[in-house]
C-alpha atoms as a PDB file:
ATOM      1  CA  MET A   1      65.557 145.959  65.038  1.00  0.00           C
ATOM      2  CA  ASN A   2      62.881 143.712  63.540  1.00  0.00           C
ATOM      3  CA  GLY A   3      65.123 142.756  60.682  1.00  0.00           C
ATOM      4  CA  ASN A   4      67.966 141.949  63.024  1.00  0.00           C
ATOM      5  CA  PHE A   5      65.829 139.467  65.015  1.00  0.00           C
ATOM      6  CA  SER A   6      64.670 137.674  61.852  1.00  0.00           C
ATOM      7  CA  ASP A   7      68.238 137.274  60.631  1.00  0.00           C
ATOM      8  CA  VAL A   8      69.345 135.812  63.943  1.00  0.00           C
ATOM      9  CA  LEU A   9      66.376 133.462  63.946  1.00  0.00           C
ATOM     10  CA  ILE A  10      67.215 132.303  60.343  1.00  0.00           C
ATOM     11  CA  ILE A  11      70.857 131.565  61.289  1.00  0.00           C
ATOM     12  CA  ILE A  12      69.754 129.582  64.358  1.00  0.00           C
ATOM     13  CA  THR A  13      67.404 127.603  62.261  1.00  0.00           C
ATOM     14  CA  VAL A  14      70.006 126.804  59.631  1.00  0.00           C
ATOM     15  CA  VAL A  15      72.515 125.800  62.324  1.00  0.00           C
ATOM     16  CA  LEU A  16      69.986 123.504  64.063  1.00  0.00           C
ATOM     17  CA  ALA A  17      69.072 121.975  60.721  1.00  0.00           C
ATOM     18  CA  ILE A  18      72.733 121.271  60.024  1.00  0.00           C
ATOM     19  CA  ILE A  19      73.298 119.693  63.487  1.00  0.00           C
ATOM     20  CA  VAL A  20      70.159 117.546  63.041  1.00  0.00           C
ATOM     21  CA  ALA A  21      71.391 116.366  59.486  1.00  0.00           C
ATOM     22  CA  ALA A  22      74.783 115.471  60.956  1.00  0.00           C
ATOM     23  CA  LEU A  23      73.314 113.553  63.920  1.00  0.00           C
ATOM     24  CA  TYR A  24      71.031 111.710  61.462  1.00  0.00           C
ATOM     25  CA  TYR A  25      74.127 110.771  59.179  1.00  0.00           C
ATOM     26  CA  PHE A  26      76.291 109.647  62.181  1.00  0.00           C
ATOM     27  CA  ASN A  27      73.464 107.596  63.546  1.00  0.00           C
ATOM     28  CA  LYS A  28      72.921 105.897  60.208  1.00  0.00           C
ATOM     29  CA  VAL A  29      76.672 105.018  59.961  1.00  0.00           C
ATOM     30  CA  SER A  30      76.867 103.687  63.544  1.00  0.00           C
ATOM     31  CA  MET A  31      73.827 101.593  62.946  1.00  0.00           C
ATOM     32  CA  ARG A  32      75.373 100.120  59.906  1.00  0.00           C
ATOM     33  CA  LYS A  33      78.557  99.256  61.835  1.00  0.00           C
ATOM     34  CA  MET A  34      76.484  97.747  64.638  1.00  0.00           C
ATOM     35  CA  ILE A  35      74.633  95.471  62.144  1.00  0.00           C
ATOM     36  CA  GLN A  36      77.930  94.342  60.610  1.00  0.00           C
ATOM     37  CA  ALA A  37      79.397  93.585  64.076  1.00  0.00           C
ATOM     38  CA  GLN A  38      76.373  91.602  65.050  1.00  0.00           C
ATOM     39  CA  ASP A  39      76.404  89.633  61.680  1.00  0.00           C
ATOM     40  CA  PHE A  40      80.167  88.836  62.401  1.00  0.00           C
ATOM     41  CA  ILE A  41      79.258  87.689  65.907  1.00  0.00           C
ATOM     42  CA  ASP A  42      76.505  85.474  64.751  1.00  0.00           C
ATOM     43  CA  ASN A  43      78.659  83.850  61.952  1.00  0.00           C
ATOM     44  CA  ASN A  44      81.633  83.297  64.241  1.00  0.00           C
ATOM     45  CA  ARG A  45      79.865  81.999  67.311  1.00  0.00           C
ATOM     46  CA  ALA A  46      81.270  78.753  68.865  1.00  0.00           C
ATOM     47  CA  THR A  47      80.374  77.082  72.151  1.00  0.00           C
ATOM     48  CA  VAL A  48      83.516  76.427  74.149  1.00  0.00           C
ATOM     49  CA  GLN A  49      84.120  75.232  77.734  1.00  0.00           C
ATOM     50  CA  ILE A  50      86.322  77.589  79.740  1.00  0.00           C
ATOM     51  CA  PHE A  51      87.618  77.911  83.288  1.00  0.00           C
ATOM     52  CA  VAL A  52      87.100  81.470  84.573  1.00  0.00           C
ATOM     53  CA  ILE A  53      90.141  82.474  86.580  1.00  0.00           C
ATOM     54  CA  ASP A  54      89.293  86.173  87.258  1.00  0.00           C
ATOM     55  CA  LYS A  55      86.913  88.962  86.067  1.00  0.00           C
ATOM     56  CA  LYS A  56      87.527  92.641  86.414  1.00  0.00           C
ATOM     57  CA  GLN A  57      86.201  95.975  85.176  1.00  0.00           C
ATOM     58  CA  GLU A  58      89.183  98.017  84.019  1.00  0.00           C
ATOM     59  CA  LYS A  59      90.506 100.071  81.181  1.00  0.00           C
ATOM     60  CA  PRO A  60      92.051  98.025  78.331  1.00  0.00           C
ATOM     61  CA  SER A  61      95.737  98.241  78.117  1.00  0.00           C
ATOM     62  CA  PRO A  62      98.533  96.326  76.169  1.00  0.00           C
ATOM     63  CA  SER A  63      99.261  94.397  79.468  1.00  0.00           C
ATOM     64  CA  ASN A  64      95.832  92.860  79.798  1.00  0.00           C
ATOM     65  CA  LEU A  65      94.820  92.414  76.043  1.00  0.00           C
ATOM     66  CA  PRO A  66      96.896  91.186  73.085  1.00  0.00           C
ATOM     67  CA  LYS A  67      98.859  94.030  71.514  1.00  0.00           C
ATOM     68  CA  ALA A  68      97.262  93.662  68.098  1.00  0.00           C
ATOM     69  CA  VAL A  69      93.703  93.859  69.604  1.00  0.00           C
ATOM     70  CA  TYR A  70      94.673  96.867  71.682  1.00  0.00           C
ATOM     71  CA  GLU A  71      95.966  98.757  68.672  1.00  0.00           C
ATOM     72  CA  GLN A  72      92.900  98.150  66.679  1.00  0.00           C
ATOM     73  CA  MET A  73      90.534  99.484  69.422  1.00  0.00           C
ATOM     74  CA  PRO A  74      89.014 102.893  68.834  1.00  0.00           C
ATOM     75  CA  ARG A  75      90.365 105.687  71.137  1.00  0.00           C
ATOM     76  CA  THR A  76      86.983 106.041  72.963  1.00  0.00           C
ATOM     77  CA  THR A  77      86.954 102.370  73.841  1.00  0.00           C
ATOM     78  CA  LYS A  78      90.453 102.531  75.221  1.00  0.00           C
ATOM     79  CA  MET A  79      89.377 105.248  77.608  1.00  0.00           C
ATOM     80  CA  ARG A  80      86.384 103.370  79.011  1.00  0.00           C
ATOM     81  CA  LYS A  81      86.299 100.596  81.532  1.00  0.00           C
ATOM     82  CA  ALA A  82      85.620  97.180  79.944  1.00  0.00           C
ATOM     83  CA  ASN A  83      84.344  93.858  81.405  1.00  0.00           C
ATOM     84  CA  LEU A  84      87.484  91.718  81.095  1.00  0.00           C
ATOM     85  CA  VAL A  85      87.552  88.043  81.928  1.00  0.00           C
ATOM     86  CA  ARG A  86      90.792  85.962  82.348  1.00  0.00           C
ATOM     87  CA  ALA A  87      89.943  82.433  81.413  1.00  0.00           C
ATOM     88  CA  LYS A  88      91.676  79.128  80.612  1.00  0.00           C
ATOM     89  CA  ILE A  89      90.580  77.832  77.167  1.00  0.00           C
ATOM     90  CA  GLY A  90      92.010  74.431  76.740  1.00  0.00           C
ATOM     91  CA  PRO A  91      95.741  74.789  77.583  1.00  0.00           C
ATOM     92  CA  GLN A  92      95.788  78.458  76.812  1.00  0.00           C
ATOM     93  CA  ILE A  93      95.045  81.426  79.192  1.00  0.00           C
ATOM     94  CA  ALA A  94      93.374  84.352  77.525  1.00  0.00           C
ATOM     95  CA  THR A  95      91.608  87.628  78.304  1.00  0.00           C
ATOM     96  CA  LEU A  96      88.170  87.864  77.013  1.00  0.00           C
ATOM     97  CA  ILE A  97      85.678  90.729  76.761  1.00  0.00           C
ATOM     98  CA  CYS A  98      81.970  90.474  77.520  1.00  0.00           C
ATOM     99  CA  ASP A  99      78.833  92.466  78.094  1.00  0.00           C
ATOM    100  CA  LYS A 100      77.585  93.661  81.437  1.00  0.00           C
ATOM    101  CA  PRO A 101      74.607  91.120  81.822  1.00  0.00           C
ATOM    102  CA  VAL A 102      77.078  88.185  81.052  1.00  0.00           C
ATOM    103  CA  PHE A 103      79.786  89.679  83.245  1.00  0.00           C
ATOM    104  CA  ASN A 104      77.312  89.958  86.268  1.00  0.00           C
ATOM    105  CA  VAL A 105      76.355  86.384  86.323  1.00  0.00           C
ATOM    106  CA  LEU A 106      79.688  84.843  85.227  1.00  0.00           C
ATOM    107  CA  PRO A 107      80.915  82.568  88.065  1.00  0.00           C
ATOM    108  CA  VAL A 108      84.529  82.742  89.105  1.00  0.00           C
ATOM    109  CA  LYS A 109      86.762  79.681  89.531  1.00  0.00           C
ATOM    110  CA  LYS A 110      84.254  77.381  87.769  1.00  0.00           C
ATOM    111  CA  ASN A 111      84.181  75.545  84.479  1.00  0.00           C
ATOM    112  CA  ILE A 112      81.343  76.820  82.264  1.00  0.00           C
ATOM    113  CA  LYS A 113      80.240  76.571  78.607  1.00  0.00           C
ATOM    114  CA  VAL A 114      80.007  79.939  76.856  1.00  0.00           C
ATOM    115  CA  ASP A 115      79.373  81.210  73.384  1.00  0.00           C
ATOM    116  CA  LEU A 116      82.468  82.748  72.042  1.00  0.00           C
ATOM    117  CA  ALA A 117      82.898  84.982  68.981  1.00  0.00           C
ATOM    118  CA  GLY A 118      86.711  85.589  68.731  1.00  0.00           C
ATOM    119  CA  MET A 119      87.624  86.877  72.178  1.00  0.00           C
ATOM    120  CA  TYR A 120      84.083  88.195  72.858  1.00  0.00           C
ATOM    121  CA  ILE A 121      81.826  86.216  75.167  1.00  0.00           C
ATOM    122  CA  VAL A 122      78.384  86.433  73.665  1.00  0.00           C
ATOM    123  CA  GLY A 123      76.451  84.366  76.275  1.00  0.00           C
ATOM    124  CA  ILE A 124      76.526  81.572  78.703  1.00  0.00           C
ATOM    125  CA  THR A 125      75.184  78.163  77.536  1.00  0.00           C
ATOM    126  CA  GLY A 126      73.071  76.044  79.807  1.00  0.00           C
ATOM    127  CA  MET A 127      72.589  78.654  82.530  1.00  0.00           C
ATOM    128  CA  ASN A 128      69.528  80.832  83.204  1.00  0.00           C
ATOM    129  CA  LEU A 129      70.888  84.346  83.465  1.00  0.00           C
ATOM    130  CA  GLU A 130      67.727  85.802  85.160  1.00  0.00           C
ATOM    131  CA  ASN A 131      68.044  83.573  88.175  1.00  0.00           C
ATOM    132  CA  LYS A 132      71.774  84.102  88.747  1.00  0.00           C
ATOM    133  CA  LYS A 133      71.702  87.926  88.549  1.00  0.00           C
ATOM    134  CA  LYS A 134      72.358  89.752  91.810  1.00  0.00           C
ATOM    135  CA  LYS A 135      69.141  91.289  93.050  1.00  0.00           C
ATOM    136  CA  THR A 136      68.707  94.513  94.917  1.00  0.00           C
ATOM    137  CA  LEU A 137      66.941  94.594  98.308  1.00  0.00           C
ATOM    138  CA  THR A 138      63.748  95.896  96.752  1.00  0.00           C
ATOM    139  CA  GLU A 139      63.735  93.089  94.141  1.00  0.00           C
ATOM    140  CA  LYS A 140      64.172  90.443  96.824  1.00  0.00           C
ATOM    141  CA  MET A 141      61.382  91.950  98.909  1.00  0.00           C
ATOM    142  CA  SER A 142      58.977  91.914  95.954  1.00  0.00           C
ATOM    143  CA  LEU A 143      59.982  88.316  94.975  1.00  0.00           C
ATOM    144  CA  ASN A 144      59.274  87.172  98.561  1.00  0.00           C
ATOM    145  CA  LEU A 145      55.968  89.042  98.647  1.00  0.00           C
ATOM    146  CA  ASN A 146      54.918  87.478  95.303  1.00  0.00           C
ATOM    147  CA  GLN A 147      55.785  84.049  96.499  1.00  0.00           C
ATOM    148  CA  LYS A 148      53.759  84.529  99.665  1.00  0.00           C
ATOM    149  CA  ILE A 149      50.761  85.753  97.645  1.00  0.00           C
ATOM    150  CA  SER A 150      50.991  82.958  95.237  1.00  0.00           C
ATOM    151  CA  LYS A 151      51.125  80.322  98.069  1.00  0.00           C
ATOM    152  CA  LYS A 152      47.705  81.576  99.469  1.00  0.00           C
END
């Protein structure tokens, strides 16, 4: 009985060690890909004026993204909702992708200057994102309280 328990304990320890090693390896690979993507974004960033037509959170599909871009997307990305922005860039209407913080403050039906890297909106130029972010009720109340205290 005692030998049986130690055998099970050894097997569990080996399996856990293998799982930890696999997670470490995949984390290292994903970090390397993330760094390469960030380098690409930094090298290809351009400031462009766009007119935002519409913004939606929906799953990418060939109907709302170019076919070549959709085919290159990983399967997991195709299943998740993305922040898609339809905008007029010069004479052309395009669908762009952006992060959640930029998506939340992006005004619709307005001309704005944005930093673009390919079809990815990196940031908004000339706009303070913190002041434009929608605030929850508790954030509004704490701001009002802080303003009243600072006036005294």
